[in-house]
Amino acid sequence: MYIKHDLIQDLDGNFVFSVVQDNTEHAKAVQHEKDTTGGWTEERTMKKMVSVPPHVFQHYSDLYGPECWQSKDFLKFFKEHRPEYCI
């Protein structure tokens, strides 16, 4: 859910668009999944490790490249810095 949008013009005439999002509901859903299934599928053949909102996924993909989500080192880093999205 978006909670704030800003369009700002700096002194040089550049425009900056800023969006603030409330991800509380997503984090609550992740916590519920963690508490109920531990991330395991019904047949317990696969386990979900993270569940991130699209803008968070894109942010880290832009910073480290889209292949970062396949890296065990990156996932360890992500779990330490964004535990609200980890199952």
N, C-alpha and C. Protein backbone atom coordinates (compact mmCIF):
# COMPACT_ATOMS: atom_id res chain seq x y z
N MET A 1 0.84 -1.16 0.00
CA MET A 1 0.00 0.00 0.00
C MET A 1 0.90 1.24 0.00
N TYR A 2 0.60 2.16 -0.90
CA TYR A 2 1.33 3.43 -0.93
C TYR A 2 0.78 4.33 0.17
N ILE A 3 1.65 4.99 0.90
CA ILE A 3 1.17 5.91 1.92
C ILE A 3 1.60 7.34 1.67
N LYS A 4 2.55 7.53 0.75
CA LYS A 4 3.00 8.89 0.49
C LYS A 4 3.68 8.97 -0.87
N HIS A 5 3.34 9.98 -1.65
CA HIS A 5 3.98 10.26 -2.93
C HIS A 5 4.48 11.69 -2.89
N ASP A 6 5.65 11.94 -3.39
CA ASP A 6 6.18 13.30 -3.48
C ASP A 6 6.85 13.49 -4.83
N LEU A 7 6.60 14.62 -5.43
CA LEU A 7 7.31 15.04 -6.63
C LEU A 7 8.03 16.33 -6.24
N ILE A 8 9.35 16.28 -6.21
CA ILE A 8 10.16 17.38 -5.71
C ILE A 8 11.05 17.89 -6.83
N GLN A 9 11.17 19.20 -6.92
CA GLN A 9 12.11 19.80 -7.86
C GLN A 9 13.24 20.44 -7.06
N ASP A 10 14.48 20.02 -7.37
CA ASP A 10 15.61 20.58 -6.64
C ASP A 10 16.02 21.93 -7.23
N LEU A 11 17.04 22.54 -6.66
CA LEU A 11 17.46 23.88 -7.08
C LEU A 11 17.99 23.92 -8.51
N ASP A 12 18.45 22.76 -9.02
CA ASP A 12 18.96 22.70 -10.39
C ASP A 12 17.86 22.41 -11.41
N GLY A 13 16.63 22.27 -10.94
CA GLY A 13 15.52 22.00 -11.85
C GLY A 13 15.26 20.52 -12.09
N ASN A 14 16.00 19.64 -11.42
CA ASN A 14 15.79 18.21 -11.57
C ASN A 14 14.59 17.78 -10.74
N PHE A 15 13.83 16.84 -11.27
CA PHE A 15 12.67 16.33 -10.56
C PHE A 15 13.01 14.99 -9.92
N VAL A 16 12.53 14.80 -8.71
CA VAL A 16 12.71 13.55 -7.99
C VAL A 16 11.33 13.07 -7.56
N PHE A 17 11.00 11.85 -7.92
CA PHE A 17 9.73 11.26 -7.50
C PHE A 17 10.02 10.31 -6.36
N SER A 18 9.34 10.48 -5.27
CA SER A 18 9.56 9.68 -4.07
C SER A 18 8.25 8.97 -3.69
N VAL A 19 8.37 7.69 -3.37
CA VAL A 19 7.21 6.91 -2.94
C VAL A 19 7.57 6.20 -1.65
N VAL A 20 6.69 6.29 -0.68
CA VAL A 20 6.85 5.57 0.58
C VAL A 20 5.76 4.51 0.63
N GLN A 21 6.14 3.28 0.93
CA GLN A 21 5.18 2.19 0.98
C GLN A 21 5.14 1.59 2.37
N ASP A 22 3.96 1.15 2.75
CA ASP A 22 3.77 0.44 4.01
C ASP A 22 3.68 -1.04 3.68
N ASN A 23 4.66 -1.81 4.11
CA ASN A 23 4.71 -3.24 3.83
C ASN A 23 4.32 -4.09 5.04
N THR A 24 3.62 -3.49 5.99
CA THR A 24 3.24 -4.19 7.20
C THR A 24 2.42 -5.43 6.90
N GLU A 25 1.45 -5.32 6.00
CA GLU A 25 0.59 -6.47 5.68
C GLU A 25 1.40 -7.61 5.07
N HIS A 26 2.34 -7.28 4.19
CA HIS A 26 3.17 -8.32 3.58
C HIS A 26 4.02 -9.00 4.65
N ALA A 27 4.61 -8.23 5.54
CA ALA A 27 5.43 -8.79 6.61
C ALA A 27 4.58 -9.66 7.54
N LYS A 28 3.34 -9.26 7.80
CA LYS A 28 2.44 -10.08 8.63
C LYS A 28 2.11 -11.40 7.95
N ALA A 29 1.89 -11.36 6.63
CA ALA A 29 1.60 -12.59 5.88
C ALA A 29 2.80 -13.54 5.91
N VAL A 30 4.01 -12.98 5.80
CA VAL A 30 5.22 -13.81 5.87
C VAL A 30 5.33 -14.44 7.25
N GLN A 31 5.08 -13.67 8.29
CA GLN A 31 5.13 -14.20 9.66
C GLN A 31 4.10 -15.30 9.87
N HIS A 32 2.90 -15.10 9.31
CA HIS A 32 1.85 -16.13 9.43
C HIS A 32 2.28 -17.42 8.74
N GLU A 33 2.86 -17.30 7.56
CA GLU A 33 3.34 -18.48 6.84
C GLU A 33 4.46 -19.16 7.62
N LYS A 34 5.34 -18.37 8.19
CA LYS A 34 6.44 -18.91 9.00
C LYS A 34 5.88 -19.68 10.19
N ASP A 35 4.88 -19.12 10.85
CA ASP A 35 4.29 -19.74 12.04
C ASP A 35 3.47 -20.98 11.72
N THR A 36 2.79 -21.01 10.57
CA THR A 36 1.89 -22.13 10.28
C THR A 36 2.55 -23.27 9.52
N THR A 37 3.29 -22.95 8.46
CA THR A 37 3.86 -24.03 7.63
C THR A 37 5.38 -24.06 7.66
N GLY A 38 6.00 -23.04 8.18
CA GLY A 38 7.45 -22.96 8.14
C GLY A 38 7.97 -22.77 6.74
N GLY A 39 7.07 -22.42 5.80
CA GLY A 39 7.47 -22.23 4.41
C GLY A 39 7.37 -23.47 3.55
N TRP A 40 7.05 -24.62 4.15
CA TRP A 40 6.98 -25.87 3.40
C TRP A 40 5.70 -25.95 2.59
N THR A 41 5.80 -26.55 1.38
CA THR A 41 4.60 -26.81 0.58
C THR A 41 3.79 -27.90 1.27
N GLU A 42 2.56 -28.08 0.82
CA GLU A 42 1.67 -29.06 1.44
C GLU A 42 2.26 -30.47 1.42
N GLU A 43 2.90 -30.84 0.32
CA GLU A 43 3.50 -32.17 0.23
C GLU A 43 4.91 -32.22 0.79
N ARG A 44 5.39 -31.09 1.31
CA ARG A 44 6.70 -30.95 1.96
C ARG A 44 7.86 -31.33 1.03
N THR A 45 7.71 -31.01 -0.25
CA THR A 45 8.79 -31.28 -1.21
C THR A 45 9.62 -30.04 -1.50
N MET A 46 9.05 -28.86 -1.21
CA MET A 46 9.77 -27.61 -1.44
C MET A 46 9.54 -26.68 -0.26
N LYS A 47 10.52 -25.81 -0.03
CA LYS A 47 10.41 -24.84 1.04
C LYS A 47 10.73 -23.45 0.51
N LYS A 48 9.83 -22.52 0.78
CA LYS A 48 10.03 -21.13 0.39
C LYS A 48 10.99 -20.50 1.40
N MET A 49 11.98 -19.76 0.91
CA MET A 49 12.96 -19.13 1.80
C MET A 49 12.61 -17.68 2.09
N VAL A 50 12.15 -16.95 1.06
CA VAL A 50 11.81 -15.54 1.23
C VAL A 50 10.54 -15.23 0.45
N SER A 51 9.86 -14.20 0.87
CA SER A 51 8.72 -13.67 0.14
C SER A 51 8.84 -12.15 0.20
N VAL A 52 9.18 -11.55 -0.93
CA VAL A 52 9.44 -10.11 -0.95
C VAL A 52 8.45 -9.40 -1.86
N PRO A 53 8.07 -8.18 -1.50
CA PRO A 53 7.24 -7.37 -2.40
C PRO A 53 8.02 -7.06 -3.68
N PRO A 54 7.33 -6.86 -4.78
CA PRO A 54 8.02 -6.61 -6.05
C PRO A 54 9.01 -5.47 -6.02
N HIS A 55 8.71 -4.38 -5.32
CA HIS A 55 9.63 -3.24 -5.33
C HIS A 55 10.92 -3.55 -4.56
N VAL A 56 10.85 -4.41 -3.55
CA VAL A 56 12.05 -4.82 -2.81
C VAL A 56 12.90 -5.73 -3.70
N PHE A 57 12.24 -6.67 -4.38
CA PHE A 57 12.93 -7.55 -5.32
C PHE A 57 13.67 -6.74 -6.37
N GLN A 58 12.98 -5.76 -6.95
CA GLN A 58 13.58 -4.94 -8.00
C GLN A 58 14.72 -4.09 -7.47
N HIS A 59 14.56 -3.56 -6.26
CA HIS A 59 15.61 -2.73 -5.66
C HIS A 59 16.93 -3.51 -5.55
N TYR A 60 16.86 -4.72 -5.00
CA TYR A 60 18.08 -5.51 -4.84
C TYR A 60 18.60 -6.03 -6.18
N SER A 61 17.70 -6.30 -7.12
CA SER A 61 18.13 -6.71 -8.46
C SER A 61 18.88 -5.57 -9.15
N ASP A 62 18.40 -4.34 -8.95
CA ASP A 62 19.08 -3.19 -9.55
C ASP A 62 20.45 -2.96 -8.90
N LEU A 63 20.53 -3.17 -7.58
CA LEU A 63 21.81 -2.96 -6.88
C LEU A 63 22.85 -4.01 -7.21
N TYR A 64 22.44 -5.28 -7.19
CA TYR A 64 23.41 -6.39 -7.28
C TYR A 64 23.27 -7.24 -8.53
N GLY A 65 22.30 -6.94 -9.37
CA GLY A 65 22.04 -7.75 -10.56
C GLY A 65 21.00 -8.80 -10.25
N PRO A 66 20.19 -9.17 -11.25
CA PRO A 66 19.10 -10.12 -11.01
C PRO A 66 19.56 -11.50 -10.56
N GLU A 67 20.80 -11.85 -10.86
CA GLU A 67 21.32 -13.16 -10.45
C GLU A 67 21.59 -13.23 -8.95
N CYS A 68 21.53 -12.10 -8.25
CA CYS A 68 21.81 -12.10 -6.80
C CYS A 68 20.86 -13.03 -6.04
N TRP A 69 19.63 -13.18 -6.53
CA TRP A 69 18.64 -14.00 -5.83
C TRP A 69 18.97 -15.49 -5.91
N GLN A 70 19.93 -15.87 -6.73
CA GLN A 70 20.37 -17.26 -6.83
C GLN A 70 21.59 -17.53 -5.95
N SER A 71 22.16 -16.49 -5.37
CA SER A 71 23.39 -16.61 -4.60
C SER A 71 23.11 -16.91 -3.13
N LYS A 72 23.73 -17.96 -2.62
CA LYS A 72 23.58 -18.31 -1.20
C LYS A 72 24.13 -17.20 -0.30
N ASP A 73 25.23 -16.58 -0.72
CA ASP A 73 25.81 -15.49 0.07
C ASP A 73 24.87 -14.29 0.13
N PHE A 74 24.24 -13.97 -1.01
CA PHE A 74 23.30 -12.85 -1.00
C PHE A 74 22.10 -13.18 -0.13
N LEU A 75 21.56 -14.38 -0.21
CA LEU A 75 20.40 -14.74 0.60
C LEU A 75 20.74 -14.70 2.09
N LYS A 76 21.96 -15.08 2.44
CA LYS A 76 22.38 -14.96 3.84
C LYS A 76 22.41 -13.49 4.26
N PHE A 77 22.97 -12.64 3.41
CA PHE A 77 22.99 -11.20 3.66
C PHE A 77 21.56 -10.66 3.78
N PHE A 78 20.69 -11.07 2.87
CA PHE A 78 19.32 -10.58 2.86
C PHE A 78 18.59 -11.00 4.15
N LYS A 79 18.78 -12.23 4.58
CA LYS A 79 18.14 -12.71 5.81
C LYS A 79 18.59 -11.90 7.03
N GLU A 80 19.84 -11.49 7.04
CA GLU A 80 20.35 -10.70 8.17
C GLU A 80 19.81 -9.28 8.16
N HIS A 81 19.64 -8.71 6.95
CA HIS A 81 19.25 -7.30 6.85
C HIS A 81 17.75 -7.08 6.67
N ARG A 82 17.04 -8.06 6.18
CA ARG A 82 15.60 -7.92 5.96
C ARG A 82 14.86 -9.16 6.47
N PRO A 83 14.96 -9.48 7.74
CA PRO A 83 14.37 -10.72 8.28
C PRO A 83 12.84 -10.75 8.18
N GLU A 84 12.20 -9.60 8.04
CA GLU A 84 10.74 -9.58 7.96
C GLU A 84 10.20 -10.26 6.72
N TYR A 85 11.07 -10.49 5.71
CA TYR A 85 10.65 -11.15 4.49
C TYR A 85 11.15 -12.59 4.38
N CYS A 86 11.77 -13.10 5.42
CA CYS A 86 12.36 -14.44 5.39
C CYS A 86 11.50 -15.42 6.16
N ILE A 87 11.37 -16.59 5.60
CA ILE A 87 10.52 -17.62 6.22
C ILE A 87 11.40 -18.66 6.89
